[in-house]
C-alpha cells in the first residue's frame, strides 16, 4: 500500500498497486506456490503479492522497470538473501535466461493494462520454458483470451493464446482492490502451456498473418476477408464455408488455412509478422 510521502503510482508505467489483503490471499491460493518452484513475478510494484510468495518461496525472482521501486523492494525484503530483482522491461526481457536445471518457470503478475496484450504475446513466444502463468488483467482482456468461436469477444488474442495455452479465468476483482483505483474491472487468469500443441501449425508466423488478416475485416465474409491470401474455391477445398465470418472459425480451421498458405508459398513476399498480434482490438 502506498503511504503518504512514499512512492506514487506512475501513469506512464500503468501502475495500479494491489492492496486488498483478501484479494491477495485469494490470488496466492490460486497460484499455490511451493518452496522449490522457479517463481518469477512481473511488476512487483510495492511488493504486496511479492511478500506473500516470498514467505513460501524465498527464491522468488522479479522483473521491475520502475527504477525508483528497486530500493523500496530491496529494503522491504532485505532478509531474503536469495530474492533477486531484475531491473528490466518485461516486454524485452529474455525469461528463458532465468531457467536453471531445466526447471520450467511459474510466472505471476499484476500486469499494467497498457502493455498487457503485447506482454502476453512476448511470453507466449517463450512458452516452452513456462509451466504456468497467473495474471491480473483487465477483465475484457481475460474475456477475449477465453472466448470461443461465435462469441462477441472472440478474435486474434483468444486464438493465439489458445494456440499455445489452456486458458482458465479464475475470478474477477473490482477497482477498489487497487490504489489508485482503475476505471475498469480486473480478472485473474491461469494460462497453462500445452504439453503438445493440439493444432500444430506448419509455420507459426503464417498462422499469425492469416488470423490478423481475417480479423482486420472481421465483419466481412471469409472470401473477402482472406481474399488476398486464398480464394473461395481454395477455402471450400479445405472444407471451410467461404460465406462465414472470421469469428465463426475454430483454431483448427485457422491452422488448416495457414498450413495451406504455407504449403503454397503464398507469403514469401509478406513482411515479418512476428509482432503483429499485439493489439487488444480485433478490428
Protein backbone atom coordinates (compact mmCIF):
# COMPACT_ATOMS: atom_id res chain seq x y z
CA UNK A 1 0.00 0.00 0.00
CA UNK A 2 1.30 3.41 -0.92
CA UNK A 3 1.95 5.66 2.09
CA UNK A 4 1.93 9.43 2.28
CA UNK A 5 5.31 10.63 1.11
CA UNK A 6 6.06 7.22 -0.37
CA UNK A 7 6.15 6.01 -3.96
CA UNK A 8 3.33 7.37 -6.10
CA UNK A 9 1.89 5.23 -8.86
CA UNK A 10 3.14 6.33 -12.28
CA UNK A 11 0.65 6.67 -15.08
CA UNK A 12 3.28 6.09 -17.77
CA UNK A 13 4.00 2.67 -16.28
CA UNK A 14 0.30 1.90 -15.94
CA UNK A 15 0.74 1.30 -12.21
CA UNK A 16 -2.21 0.34 -10.01
CA UNK A 17 -0.92 -1.16 -6.77
CA UNK A 18 -2.85 -4.08 -5.30
CA UNK A 19 -3.59 -3.57 -1.62
CA UNK A 20 -6.66 -5.64 -0.68
CA UNK A 21 -5.48 -8.44 1.70
CA UNK A 22 -8.42 -10.67 0.84
CA UNK A 23 -7.75 -10.46 -2.89
CA UNK A 24 -4.02 -11.01 -2.38
CA UNK A 25 -4.71 -14.11 -0.28
CA UNK A 26 -7.07 -15.47 -2.91
CA UNK A 27 -4.51 -14.92 -5.67
CA UNK A 28 -1.82 -16.72 -3.70
CA UNK A 29 -4.18 -19.64 -3.03
CA UNK A 30 -4.89 -19.85 -6.77
CA UNK A 31 -1.17 -19.83 -7.61
CA UNK A 32 -0.36 -22.32 -4.82
CA UNK A 33 3.40 -21.62 -4.84
CA UNK A 34 5.83 -24.19 -3.45
CA UNK A 35 9.25 -23.68 -1.95
CA UNK A 36 11.05 -25.39 -4.84
CA UNK A 37 9.14 -23.69 -7.68
CA UNK A 38 11.00 -21.46 -10.14
CA UNK A 39 8.80 -18.44 -9.40
CA UNK A 40 9.00 -15.17 -11.34
CA UNK A 41 6.88 -12.09 -10.70
CA UNK A 42 6.45 -9.35 -13.29
CA UNK A 43 5.96 -5.81 -11.99
CA UNK A 44 6.01 -6.41 -8.23
CA UNK A 45 5.24 -2.74 -7.51
CA UNK A 46 5.37 -2.16 -3.77
CA UNK A 47 5.60 -5.88 -3.08
CA UNK A 48 2.12 -6.75 -1.80
CA UNK A 49 1.94 -10.04 -3.69
CA UNK A 50 5.72 -10.47 -3.51
CA UNK A 51 5.63 -10.59 0.28
CA UNK A 52 3.16 -13.46 0.36
CA UNK A 53 5.01 -15.50 -2.26
CA UNK A 54 8.39 -14.95 -0.59
CA UNK A 55 7.01 -16.34 2.65
CA UNK A 56 6.61 -19.66 0.81
CA UNK A 57 9.29 -19.39 -1.87
CA UNK A 58 12.39 -17.41 -0.77
CA UNK A 59 13.99 -17.86 -4.22
CA UNK A 60 11.45 -15.64 -5.99
CA UNK A 61 12.78 -13.50 -8.85
CA UNK A 62 11.07 -10.32 -10.01
CA UNK A 63 11.25 -8.15 -13.13
CA UNK A 64 10.64 -4.44 -12.47
CA UNK A 65 11.01 -1.50 -14.87
CA UNK A 66 10.49 1.40 -12.44
CA UNK A 67 13.98 2.07 -11.04
CA UNK A 68 12.54 4.07 -8.14
CA UNK A 69 10.87 0.92 -6.85
CA UNK A 70 14.09 -1.11 -6.77
CA UNK A 71 15.42 0.35 -3.47
CA UNK A 72 11.94 0.04 -1.95
CA UNK A 73 11.90 -3.67 -2.75
CA UNK A 74 15.50 -4.23 -1.66
CA UNK A 75 14.80 -2.59 1.68
CA UNK A 76 11.49 -4.33 2.28
CA UNK A 77 12.87 -7.78 1.53
CA UNK A 78 16.47 -7.42 2.73
CA UNK A 79 16.10 -10.51 4.91
CA UNK A 80 15.63 -12.75 1.85
CA UNK A 81 19.18 -13.24 0.50
CA UNK A 82 18.02 -15.36 -2.45
CA UNK A 83 15.45 -12.79 -3.61
CA UNK A 84 16.59 -11.41 -6.98
CA UNK A 85 15.45 -8.24 -8.72
CA UNK A 86 15.95 -7.79 -12.47
CA UNK A 87 15.66 -4.14 -13.44
CA UNK A 88 14.33 -4.56 -16.96
CA UNK A 89 11.46 -4.05 -19.36
CA UNK A 90 9.43 -7.26 -19.27
CA UNK A 91 8.45 -6.68 -22.92
CA UNK A 92 12.07 -7.22 -23.93
CA UNK A 93 13.25 -9.50 -21.15
CA UNK A 94 14.54 -12.97 -22.00
CA UNK A 95 12.66 -15.09 -19.48
CA UNK A 96 14.45 -18.23 -20.68
CA UNK A 97 17.61 -16.78 -19.07
CA UNK A 98 16.01 -17.44 -15.66
CA UNK A 99 15.72 -21.19 -16.22
CA UNK A 100 18.16 -23.27 -14.17
CA UNK A 101 18.44 -27.06 -14.04
CA UNK A 102 15.76 -27.24 -16.71
CA UNK A 103 13.02 -26.29 -14.24
CA UNK A 104 10.14 -24.50 -16.02
CA UNK A 105 9.06 -21.09 -14.79
CA UNK A 106 5.91 -20.21 -12.92
CA UNK A 107 5.19 -16.59 -13.84
CA UNK A 108 2.81 -14.30 -11.97
CA UNK A 109 1.98 -10.62 -12.08
CA UNK A 110 -0.46 -7.75 -11.83
CA UNK A 111 0.19 -6.60 -15.39
CA UNK A 112 -0.12 -2.95 -16.44
CA UNK A 113 -3.18 -2.66 -18.66
CA UNK A 114 -1.34 -0.54 -21.24
CA UNK A 115 1.13 -3.33 -22.09
CA UNK A 116 -0.74 -6.47 -21.06
CA UNK A 117 -1.51 -7.80 -24.53
CA UNK A 118 1.94 -7.35 -26.12
CA UNK A 119 3.48 -8.74 -22.95
CA UNK A 120 1.27 -11.82 -23.13
CA UNK A 121 2.40 -12.43 -26.71
CA UNK A 122 6.02 -11.95 -25.71
CA UNK A 123 5.58 -14.58 -23.01
CA UNK A 124 3.73 -16.95 -25.34
CA UNK A 125 6.73 -16.83 -27.67
CA UNK A 126 8.73 -18.29 -24.76
CA UNK A 127 6.06 -20.72 -23.59
CA UNK A 128 8.45 -23.64 -23.95
CA UNK A 129 10.18 -22.65 -20.69
CA UNK A 130 6.96 -21.88 -18.79
CA UNK A 131 5.00 -24.24 -16.52
CA UNK A 132 2.11 -21.86 -15.92
CA UNK A 133 1.19 -18.16 -15.67
CA UNK A 134 -1.22 -16.37 -13.34
CA UNK A 135 -2.02 -12.79 -14.23
CA UNK A 136 -4.23 -9.96 -13.10
CA UNK A 137 -5.53 -8.35 -16.28
CA UNK A 138 -8.29 -6.09 -17.44
CA UNK A 139 -11.49 -8.14 -17.33
CA UNK A 140 -12.11 -7.53 -21.04
CA UNK A 141 -8.70 -8.95 -21.93
CA UNK A 142 -9.37 -12.14 -19.97
CA UNK A 143 -12.75 -12.48 -21.68
CA UNK A 144 -11.06 -12.20 -25.07
CA UNK A 145 -8.44 -14.76 -24.14
CA UNK A 146 -11.06 -17.32 -23.16
CA UNK A 147 -13.67 -16.65 -25.89
CA UNK A 148 -14.63 -19.34 -28.36
CA UNK A 149 -15.95 -19.24 -31.95
CA UNK A 150 -19.16 -17.26 -32.35
CA UNK A 151 -18.71 -15.23 -29.17
CA UNK A 152 -18.51 -11.43 -29.33
CA UNK A 153 -15.06 -11.33 -27.69
CA UNK A 154 -13.57 -14.00 -29.97
CA UNK A 155 -10.65 -12.78 -32.06
CA UNK A 156 -6.91 -12.71 -32.53
CA UNK A 157 -5.98 -12.58 -28.86
CA UNK A 158 -8.06 -15.63 -27.94
CA UNK A 159 -6.99 -17.68 -30.94
CA UNK A 160 -3.27 -17.09 -30.50
CA UNK A 161 -3.40 -17.52 -26.71
CA UNK A 162 -5.36 -20.76 -27.03
CA UNK A 163 -2.92 -21.95 -29.70
CA UNK A 164 -0.22 -22.03 -27.02
CA UNK A 165 -2.13 -22.41 -23.75
CA UNK A 166 -5.13 -23.68 -21.89
CA UNK A 167 -6.95 -20.54 -20.69
CA UNK A 168 -8.76 -20.64 -17.34
CA UNK A 169 -10.41 -17.46 -16.00
CA UNK A 170 -10.41 -17.71 -12.19
CA UNK A 171 -12.22 -14.75 -10.59
CA UNK A 172 -12.95 -11.06 -11.01
CA UNK A 173 -11.50 -8.19 -8.96
CA UNK A 174 -13.15 -4.78 -8.51
CA UNK A 175 -11.36 -1.41 -8.79
CA UNK A 176 -11.37 -0.93 -5.01
CA UNK A 177 -8.65 -3.56 -4.58
CA UNK A 178 -6.11 -1.15 -6.11
CA UNK A 179 -4.56 2.23 -5.37
CA UNK A 180 -5.17 4.23 -7.41
CA UNK A 181 -8.41 2.52 -8.40
CA UNK A 182 -8.55 1.81 -12.15
CA UNK A 183 -11.64 2.71 -14.16
CA UNK A 184 -12.18 -0.89 -15.25
CA UNK A 185 -12.80 -4.25 -13.61
CA UNK A 186 -9.99 -6.78 -13.45
CA UNK A 187 -9.79 -10.57 -13.50
CA UNK A 188 -7.31 -13.30 -12.67
CA UNK A 189 -6.48 -15.81 -15.38
CA UNK A 190 -4.43 -19.00 -15.37
CA UNK A 191 -2.53 -19.87 -18.56
CA UNK A 192 -1.03 -23.35 -18.84
CA UNK A 193 1.10 -24.03 -21.94
CA UNK A 194 0.04 -27.17 -23.81
CA UNK A 195 2.46 -30.07 -23.37
CA UNK A 196 1.98 -30.64 -27.08
CA UNK A 197 0.12 -28.18 -29.28
CA UNK A 198 -3.35 -29.58 -30.10
CA UNK A 199 -3.32 -27.89 -33.52
CA UNK A 200 0.29 -27.52 -34.62
CA UNK A 201 0.75 -25.08 -37.50
CA UNK A 202 3.47 -25.74 -40.06
CA UNK A 203 4.60 -22.13 -39.75
CA UNK A 204 3.62 -20.03 -36.74
CA UNK A 205 4.22 -16.71 -38.49
CA UNK A 206 1.93 -17.71 -41.34
CA UNK A 207 -0.78 -18.51 -38.81
CA UNK A 208 -0.31 -15.05 -37.28
CA UNK A 209 -0.70 -13.42 -40.69
CA UNK A 210 -3.83 -15.41 -41.56
CA UNK A 211 -5.51 -14.64 -38.23
CA UNK A 212 -4.52 -10.97 -38.35
CA UNK A 213 -5.72 -10.60 -41.93
CA UNK A 214 -9.04 -12.27 -41.16
CA UNK A 215 -9.84 -10.17 -38.11
CA UNK A 216 -8.76 -6.93 -39.73
CA UNK A 217 -12.00 -7.44 -41.67
CA UNK A 218 -13.94 -9.46 -39.11
CA UNK A 219 -17.33 -8.17 -40.29
CA UNK A 220 -16.78 -9.40 -43.83
CA UNK A 221 -17.16 -12.92 -45.14
CA UNK A 222 -14.07 -15.10 -45.38
CA UNK A 223 -13.99 -14.88 -49.16
CA UNK A 224 -13.48 -11.12 -48.79
CA UNK A 225 -11.52 -11.02 -45.53
CA UNK A 226 -8.97 -13.59 -46.76
CA UNK A 227 -9.23 -12.79 -50.45
CA UNK A 228 -5.63 -11.59 -50.64
CA UNK A 229 -4.40 -14.95 -49.34
CA UNK A 230 -6.78 -17.67 -50.53
CA UNK A 231 -9.65 -17.93 -52.99
CA UNK A 232 -13.20 -19.01 -52.19
CA UNK A 233 -12.57 -22.24 -54.09
CA UNK A 234 -9.46 -22.97 -52.04
CA UNK A 235 -11.36 -22.40 -48.80
CA UNK A 236 -14.07 -24.76 -50.00
CA UNK A 237 -11.44 -27.37 -50.84
CA UNK A 238 -10.41 -27.25 -47.18
CA UNK A 239 -13.99 -27.90 -46.12
CA UNK A 240 -14.48 -24.29 -44.95
CA UNK A 241 -17.57 -22.30 -45.85
CA UNK A 242 -16.29 -19.11 -47.52
CA UNK A 243 -19.54 -17.35 -46.62
CA UNK A 244 -18.79 -17.45 -42.90
CA UNK A 245 -17.21 -14.62 -40.96
CA UNK A 246 -13.79 -14.97 -39.25
CA UNK A 247 -15.43 -15.15 -35.81
CA UNK A 248 -17.14 -18.41 -36.84
CA UNK A 249 -13.93 -20.36 -37.44
CA UNK A 250 -12.20 -22.52 -34.86
CA UNK A 251 -8.49 -22.56 -34.13
CA UNK A 252 -8.25 -25.80 -36.11
CA UNK A 253 -9.83 -24.06 -39.12
CA UNK A 254 -7.31 -21.21 -38.99
CA UNK A 255 -4.43 -23.68 -38.72
CA UNK A 256 -5.74 -25.56 -41.77
CA UNK A 257 -5.87 -22.32 -43.78
CA UNK A 258 -2.41 -21.29 -42.57
CA UNK A 259 -0.95 -24.68 -43.50
CA UNK A 260 -2.43 -24.38 -46.99
CA UNK A 261 -1.00 -20.87 -47.39
CA UNK A 262 2.39 -22.11 -46.14
CA UNK A 263 2.38 -25.10 -48.50
CA UNK A 264 1.59 -22.85 -51.46
CA UNK A 265 4.31 -20.37 -50.50
CA UNK A 266 1.80 -17.53 -50.71
CA UNK A 267 3.53 -15.41 -48.08
CA UNK A 268 7.07 -15.44 -49.39
CA UNK A 269 6.94 -11.72 -50.02
CA UNK A 270 4.95 -10.85 -46.90
CA UNK A 271 6.58 -8.77 -44.14
CA UNK A 272 7.66 -10.37 -40.87
CA UNK A 273 4.52 -10.80 -38.78
CA UNK A 274 6.18 -11.83 -35.53
CA UNK A 275 4.80 -8.86 -33.64
CA UNK A 276 1.55 -8.29 -35.45
CA UNK A 277 -0.77 -9.70 -32.82
CA UNK A 278 -0.07 -7.24 -30.04
CA UNK A 279 -3.19 -5.10 -30.22
CA UNK A 280 -6.15 -5.74 -27.97
CA UNK A 281 -8.56 -4.68 -30.68
CA UNK A 282 -9.56 -7.28 -33.21
CA UNK A 283 -10.97 -4.87 -35.74
